[in-house]
Amino acid sequence: MPIIVNLDVMMAKRKMSLNELSEKVDLTLSNLSILKTGKAKAIRFSTLEAICHALDCQPGDILEFVEDK
């Protein structure tokens, strides 16, 4: 998949656990885990906004496009 989710990288940089992020953005652990592992098929802008707010980052810090070779 050409879209890479770097949520775990940003969480590590901010020293934030999945549990803490889950509470801050009001998402279940399972939904955040699906997103973190790159298994999500879509993400709502409101969810992305909440994650960016909680992690004090930009969407591009979390999502990355990589061309297939």
PDB file of N, CA and C in Angstrom:
ATOM      1  N   MET A   1       0.849  -1.182   0.000  1.00  0.00           N
ATOM      2  CA  MET A   1       0.000   0.000   0.000  1.00  0.00           C
ATOM      3  C   MET A   1       0.893   1.243   0.000  1.00  0.00           C
ATOM      4  N   PRO A   2       0.613   2.204  -0.876  1.00  0.00           N
ATOM      5  CA  PRO A   2       1.486   3.375  -0.981  1.00  0.00           C
ATOM      6  C   PRO A   2       1.318   4.418   0.128  1.00  0.00           C
ATOM      7  N   ILE A   3       0.299   4.304   0.976  1.00  0.00           N
ATOM      8  CA  ILE A   3       0.139   5.230   2.096  1.00  0.00           C
ATOM      9  C   ILE A   3       0.655   4.550   3.360  1.00  0.00           C
ATOM     10  N   ILE A   4       1.648   5.157   3.977  1.00  0.00           N
ATOM     11  CA  ILE A   4       2.253   4.637   5.191  1.00  0.00           C
ATOM     12  C   ILE A   4       1.749   5.460   6.371  1.00  0.00           C
ATOM     13  N   VAL A   5       1.339   4.791   7.432  1.00  0.00           N
ATOM     14  CA  VAL A   5       0.859   5.457   8.642  1.00  0.00           C
ATOM     15  C   VAL A   5       1.991   5.448   9.673  1.00  0.00           C
ATOM     16  N   ASN A   6       2.449   6.646  10.023  1.00  0.00           N
ATOM     17  CA  ASN A   6       3.549   6.792  10.984  1.00  0.00           C
ATOM     18  C   ASN A   6       3.046   7.212  12.368  1.00  0.00           C
ATOM     19  N   LEU A   7       1.883   6.744  12.730  1.00  0.00           N
ATOM     20  CA  LEU A   7       1.297   7.121  14.011  1.00  0.00           C
ATOM     21  C   LEU A   7       2.180   6.667  15.173  1.00  0.00           C
ATOM     22  N   ASP A   8       2.722   5.461  15.084  1.00  0.00           N
ATOM     23  CA  ASP A   8       3.578   4.964  16.163  1.00  0.00           C
ATOM     24  C   ASP A   8       4.832   5.813  16.330  1.00  0.00           C
ATOM     25  N   VAL A   9       5.356   6.343  15.230  1.00  0.00           N
ATOM     26  CA  VAL A   9       6.536   7.212  15.292  1.00  0.00           C
ATOM     27  C   VAL A   9       6.211   8.497  16.041  1.00  0.00           C
ATOM     28  N   MET A  10       5.077   9.121  15.696  1.00  0.00           N
ATOM     29  CA  MET A  10       4.694  10.367  16.366  1.00  0.00           C
ATOM     30  C   MET A  10       4.360  10.113  17.833  1.00  0.00           C
ATOM     31  N   MET A  11       3.739   8.999  18.134  1.00  0.00           N
ATOM     32  CA  MET A  11       3.425   8.669  19.522  1.00  0.00           C
ATOM     33  C   MET A  11       4.719   8.493  20.326  1.00  0.00           C
ATOM     34  N   ALA A  12       5.716   7.863  19.735  1.00  0.00           N
ATOM     35  CA  ALA A  12       6.999   7.674  20.418  1.00  0.00           C
ATOM     36  C   ALA A  12       7.694   9.015  20.636  1.00  0.00           C
ATOM     37  N   LYS A  13       7.655   9.887  19.627  1.00  0.00           N
ATOM     38  CA  LYS A  13       8.277  11.211  19.762  1.00  0.00           C
ATOM     39  C   LYS A  13       7.627  12.025  20.872  1.00  0.00           C
ATOM     40  N   ARG A  14       6.336  11.841  21.057  1.00  0.00           N
ATOM     41  CA  ARG A  14       5.594  12.595  22.080  1.00  0.00           C
ATOM     42  C   ARG A  14       5.490  11.821  23.396  1.00  0.00           C
ATOM     43  N   LYS A  15       6.113  10.621  23.418  1.00  0.00           N
ATOM     44  CA  LYS A  15       6.080   9.755  24.606  1.00  0.00           C
ATOM     45  C   LYS A  15       4.649   9.530  25.097  1.00  0.00           C
ATOM     46  N   MET A  16       3.777   9.198  24.129  1.00  0.00           N
ATOM     47  CA  MET A  16       2.355   8.986  24.437  1.00  0.00           C
ATOM     48  C   MET A  16       1.987   7.537  24.134  1.00  0.00           C
ATOM     49  N   SER A  17       1.290   6.919  25.058  1.00  0.00           N
ATOM     50  CA  SER A  17       0.856   5.532  24.874  1.00  0.00           C
ATOM     51  C   SER A  17      -0.429   5.490  24.047  1.00  0.00           C
ATOM     52  N   LEU A  18      -0.738   4.307  23.557  1.00  0.00           N
ATOM     53  CA  LEU A  18      -1.971   4.119  22.805  1.00  0.00           C
ATOM     54  C   LEU A  18      -3.180   4.393  23.696  1.00  0.00           C
ATOM     55  N   ASN A  19      -3.095   3.977  24.960  1.00  0.00           N
ATOM     56  CA  ASN A  19      -4.190   4.233  25.905  1.00  0.00           C
ATOM     57  C   ASN A  19      -4.420   5.731  26.100  1.00  0.00           C
ATOM     58  N   GLU A  20      -3.338   6.466  26.276  1.00  0.00           N
ATOM     59  CA  GLU A  20      -3.451   7.909  26.488  1.00  0.00           C
ATOM     60  C   GLU A  20      -4.027   8.601  25.258  1.00  0.00           C
ATOM     61  N   LEU A  21      -3.545   8.229  24.074  1.00  0.00           N
ATOM     62  CA  LEU A  21      -4.058   8.824  22.842  1.00  0.00           C
ATOM     63  C   LEU A  21      -5.528   8.478  22.653  1.00  0.00           C
ATOM     64  N   SER A  22      -5.881   7.241  22.963  1.00  0.00           N
ATOM     65  CA  SER A  22      -7.267   6.802  22.851  1.00  0.00           C
ATOM     66  C   SER A  22      -8.192   7.682  23.687  1.00  0.00           C
ATOM     67  N   GLU A  23      -7.771   7.986  24.893  1.00  0.00           N
ATOM     68  CA  GLU A  23      -8.573   8.844  25.771  1.00  0.00           C
ATOM     69  C   GLU A  23      -8.663  10.269  25.241  1.00  0.00           C
ATOM     70  N   LYS A  24      -7.545  10.783  24.715  1.00  0.00           N
ATOM     71  CA  LYS A  24      -7.525  12.171  24.239  1.00  0.00           C
ATOM     72  C   LYS A  24      -8.368  12.384  22.992  1.00  0.00           C
ATOM     73  N   VAL A  25      -8.400  11.393  22.104  1.00  0.00           N
ATOM     74  CA  VAL A  25      -9.132  11.565  20.844  1.00  0.00           C
ATOM     75  C   VAL A  25     -10.491  10.875  20.856  1.00  0.00           C
ATOM     76  N   ASP A  26     -10.812  10.221  21.970  1.00  0.00           N
ATOM     77  CA  ASP A  26     -12.105   9.554  22.130  1.00  0.00           C
ATOM     78  C   ASP A  26     -12.353   8.493  21.053  1.00  0.00           C
ATOM     79  N   LEU A  27     -11.349   7.644  20.849  1.00  0.00           N
ATOM     80  CA  LEU A  27     -11.459   6.498  19.949  1.00  0.00           C
ATOM     81  C   LEU A  27     -11.139   5.240  20.740  1.00  0.00           C
ATOM     82  N   THR A  28     -11.718   4.126  20.312  1.00  0.00           N
ATOM     83  CA  THR A  28     -11.425   2.869  20.991  1.00  0.00           C
ATOM     84  C   THR A  28      -9.986   2.443  20.699  1.00  0.00           C
ATOM     85  N   LEU A  29      -9.448   1.650  21.611  1.00  0.00           N
ATOM     86  CA  LEU A  29      -8.099   1.121  21.406  1.00  0.00           C
ATOM     87  C   LEU A  29      -8.019   0.298  20.127  1.00  0.00           C
ATOM     88  N   SER A  30      -9.067  -0.471  19.853  1.00  0.00           N
ATOM     89  CA  SER A  30      -9.042  -1.325  18.657  1.00  0.00           C
ATOM     90  C   SER A  30      -9.020  -0.490  17.380  1.00  0.00           C
ATOM     91  N   ASN A  31      -9.792   0.606  17.338  1.00  0.00           N
ATOM     92  CA  ASN A  31      -9.784   1.455  16.146  1.00  0.00           C
ATOM     93  C   ASN A  31      -8.439   2.156  15.968  1.00  0.00           C
ATOM     94  N   LEU A  32      -7.857   2.622  17.064  1.00  0.00           N
ATOM     95  CA  LEU A  32      -6.538   3.256  16.972  1.00  0.00           C
ATOM     96  C   LEU A  32      -5.479   2.236  16.556  1.00  0.00           C
ATOM     97  N   SER A  33      -5.585   1.033  17.053  1.00  0.00           N
ATOM     98  CA  SER A  33      -4.644  -0.020  16.702  1.00  0.00           C
ATOM     99  C   SER A  33      -4.722  -0.356  15.218  1.00  0.00           C
ATOM    100  N   ILE A  34      -5.937  -0.416  14.687  1.00  0.00           N
ATOM    101  CA  ILE A  34      -6.125  -0.674  13.253  1.00  0.00           C
ATOM    102  C   ILE A  34      -5.472   0.425  12.432  1.00  0.00           C
ATOM    103  N   LEU A  35      -5.631   1.653  12.856  1.00  0.00           N
ATOM    104  CA  LEU A  35      -5.011   2.780  12.158  1.00  0.00           C
ATOM    105  C   LEU A  35      -3.494   2.715  12.290  1.00  0.00           C
ATOM    106  N   LYS A  36      -3.014   2.468  13.488  1.00  0.00           N
ATOM    107  CA  LYS A  36      -1.573   2.440  13.754  1.00  0.00           C
ATOM    108  C   LYS A  36      -0.854   1.371  12.946  1.00  0.00           C
ATOM    109  N   THR A  37      -1.500   0.234  12.754  1.00  0.00           N
ATOM    110  CA  THR A  37      -0.868  -0.867  12.021  1.00  0.00           C
ATOM    111  C   THR A  37      -1.028  -0.740  10.510  1.00  0.00           C
ATOM    112  N   GLY A  38      -1.716   0.305  10.062  1.00  0.00           N
ATOM    113  CA  GLY A  38      -1.882   0.522   8.629  1.00  0.00           C
ATOM    114  C   GLY A  38      -2.966  -0.324   8.000  1.00  0.00           C
ATOM    115  N   LYS A  39      -3.814  -0.940   8.803  1.00  0.00           N
ATOM    116  CA  LYS A  39      -4.878  -1.798   8.270  1.00  0.00           C
ATOM    117  C   LYS A  39      -6.168  -1.037   7.980  1.00  0.00           C
ATOM    118  N   ALA A  40      -6.227   0.234   8.358  1.00  0.00           N
ATOM    119  CA  ALA A  40      -7.436   1.040   8.128  1.00  0.00           C
ATOM    120  C   ALA A  40      -7.574   1.347   6.636  1.00  0.00           C
ATOM    121  N   LYS A  41      -8.797   1.334   6.164  1.00  0.00           N
ATOM    122  CA  LYS A  41      -9.073   1.649   4.758  1.00  0.00           C
ATOM    123  C   LYS A  41      -9.355   3.134   4.563  1.00  0.00           C
ATOM    124  N   ALA A  42      -9.725   3.817   5.649  1.00  0.00           N
ATOM    125  CA  ALA A  42     -10.068   5.242   5.567  1.00  0.00           C
ATOM    126  C   ALA A  42      -9.926   5.865   6.951  1.00  0.00           C
ATOM    127  N   ILE A  43      -9.871   7.199   6.959  1.00  0.00           N
ATOM    128  CA  ILE A  43      -9.856   7.937   8.221  1.00  0.00           C
ATOM    129  C   ILE A  43     -10.662   9.212   8.020  1.00  0.00           C
ATOM    130  N   ARG A  44     -11.504   9.535   8.964  1.00  0.00           N
ATOM    131  CA  ARG A  44     -12.283  10.773   8.891  1.00  0.00           C
ATOM    132  C   ARG A  44     -11.371  11.957   9.174  1.00  0.00           C
ATOM    133  N   PHE A  45     -11.648  13.069   8.525  1.00  0.00           N
ATOM    134  CA  PHE A  45     -10.876  14.274   8.780  1.00  0.00           C
ATOM    135  C   PHE A  45     -10.994  14.698  10.238  1.00  0.00           C
ATOM    136  N   SER A  46     -12.156  14.508  10.834  1.00  0.00           N
ATOM    137  CA  SER A  46     -12.336  14.887  12.244  1.00  0.00           C
ATOM    138  C   SER A  46     -11.441  14.032  13.151  1.00  0.00           C
ATOM    139  N   THR A  47     -11.273  12.765  12.808  1.00  0.00           N
ATOM    140  CA  THR A  47     -10.382  11.890  13.572  1.00  0.00           C
ATOM    141  C   THR A  47      -8.935  12.305  13.380  1.00  0.00           C
ATOM    142  N   LEU A  48      -8.548  12.580  12.141  1.00  0.00           N
ATOM    143  CA  LEU A  48      -7.194  13.026  11.842  1.00  0.00           C
ATOM    144  C   LEU A  48      -6.894  14.339  12.563  1.00  0.00           C
ATOM    145  N   GLU A  49      -7.862  15.239  12.570  1.00  0.00           N
ATOM    146  CA  GLU A  49      -7.703  16.513  13.256  1.00  0.00           C
ATOM    147  C   GLU A  49      -7.498  16.299  14.758  1.00  0.00           C
ATOM    148  N   ALA A  50      -8.281  15.413  15.359  1.00  0.00           N
ATOM    149  CA  ALA A  50      -8.165  15.140  16.794  1.00  0.00           C
ATOM    150  C   ALA A  50      -6.799  14.530  17.126  1.00  0.00           C
ATOM    151  N   ILE A  51      -6.333  13.629  16.285  1.00  0.00           N
ATOM    152  CA  ILE A  51      -5.025  13.002  16.499  1.00  0.00           C
ATOM    153  C   ILE A  51      -3.919  14.050  16.380  1.00  0.00           C
ATOM    154  N   CYS A  52      -4.007  14.890  15.364  1.00  0.00           N
ATOM    155  CA  CYS A  52      -2.999  15.940  15.176  1.00  0.00           C
ATOM    156  C   CYS A  52      -3.003  16.916  16.352  1.00  0.00           C
ATOM    157  N   HIS A  53      -4.163  17.230  16.843  1.00  0.00           N
ATOM    158  CA  HIS A  53      -4.265  18.132  17.991  1.00  0.00           C
ATOM    159  C   HIS A  53      -3.629  17.478  19.228  1.00  0.00           C
ATOM    160  N   ALA A  54      -3.943  16.216  19.466  1.00  0.00           N
ATOM    161  CA  ALA A  54      -3.422  15.505  20.638  1.00  0.00           C
ATOM    162  C   ALA A  54      -1.911  15.322  20.577  1.00  0.00           C
ATOM    163  N   LEU A  55      -1.384  15.098  19.378  1.00  0.00           N
ATOM    164  CA  LEU A  55       0.050  14.858  19.212  1.00  0.00           C
ATOM    165  C   LEU A  55       0.824  16.123  18.817  1.00  0.00           C
ATOM    166  N   ASP A  56       0.108  17.242  18.665  1.00  0.00           N
ATOM    167  CA  ASP A  56       0.729  18.506  18.263  1.00  0.00           C
ATOM    168  C   ASP A  56       1.590  18.314  17.013  1.00  0.00           C
ATOM    169  N   CYS A  57       0.927  17.840  15.944  1.00  0.00           N
ATOM    170  CA  CYS A  57       1.638  17.567  14.702  1.00  0.00           C
ATOM    171  C   CYS A  57       0.748  17.909  13.505  1.00  0.00           C
ATOM    172  N   GLN A  58       1.280  17.739  12.332  1.00  0.00           N
ATOM    173  CA  GLN A  58       0.569  17.965  11.082  1.00  0.00           C
ATOM    174  C   GLN A  58       0.159  16.613  10.485  1.00  0.00           C
ATOM    175  N   PRO A  59      -0.881  16.585   9.627  1.00  0.00           N
ATOM    176  CA  PRO A  59      -1.281  15.316   8.994  1.00  0.00           C
ATOM    177  C   PRO A  59      -0.128  14.630   8.261  1.00  0.00           C
ATOM    178  N   GLY A  60       0.740  15.417   7.658  1.00  0.00           N
ATOM    179  CA  GLY A  60       1.889  14.857   6.938  1.00  0.00           C
ATOM    180  C   GLY A  60       2.901  14.183   7.842  1.00  0.00           C
ATOM    181  N   ASP A  61       2.840  14.472   9.134  1.00  0.00           N
ATOM    182  CA  ASP A  61       3.712  13.786  10.090  1.00  0.00           C
ATOM    183  C   ASP A  61       3.215  12.372  10.357  1.00  0.00           C
ATOM    184  N   ILE A  62       1.935  12.146  10.115  1.00  0.00           N
ATOM    185  CA  ILE A  62       1.316  10.849  10.402  1.00  0.00           C
ATOM    186  C   ILE A  62       1.154  10.007   9.142  1.00  0.00           C
ATOM    187  N   LEU A  63       0.779  10.657   8.038  1.00  0.00           N
ATOM    188  CA  LEU A  63       0.537   9.944   6.782  1.00  0.00           C
ATOM    189  C   LEU A  63       1.626  10.271   5.771  1.00  0.00           C
ATOM    190  N   GLU A  64       2.101   9.244   5.091  1.00  0.00           N
ATOM    191  CA  GLU A  64       3.176   9.411   4.119  1.00  0.00           C
ATOM    192  C   GLU A  64       2.843   8.625   2.863  1.00  0.00           C
ATOM    193  N   PHE A  65       3.060   9.240   1.697  1.00  0.00           N
ATOM    194  CA  PHE A  65       2.845   8.570   0.422  1.00  0.00           C
ATOM    195  C   PHE A  65       4.180   8.034  -0.092  1.00  0.00           C
ATOM    196  N   VAL A  66       4.215   6.741  -0.405  1.00  0.00           N
ATOM    197  CA  VAL A  66       5.414   6.126  -0.956  1.00  0.00           C
ATOM    198  C   VAL A  66       5.027   5.422  -2.244  1.00  0.00           C
ATOM    199  N   GLU A  67       5.700   5.768  -3.313  1.00  0.00           N
ATOM    200  CA  GLU A  67       5.409   5.178  -4.635  1.00  0.00           C
ATOM    201  C   GLU A  67       5.752   3.692  -4.653  1.00  0.00           C
ATOM    202  N   ASP A  68       4.866   2.897  -5.282  1.00  0.00           N
ATOM    203  CA  ASP A  68       5.160   1.493  -5.511  1.00  0.00           C
ATOM    204  C   ASP A  68       6.261   1.392  -6.547  1.00  0.00           C
ATOM    205  N   LYS A  69       7.127   0.413  -6.365  1.00  0.00           N
ATOM    206  CA  LYS A  69       8.232   0.256  -7.325  1.00  0.00           C
ATOM    207  C   LYS A  69       7.997  -0.911  -8.227  1.00  0.00           C
TER     208      LYS A  69
END
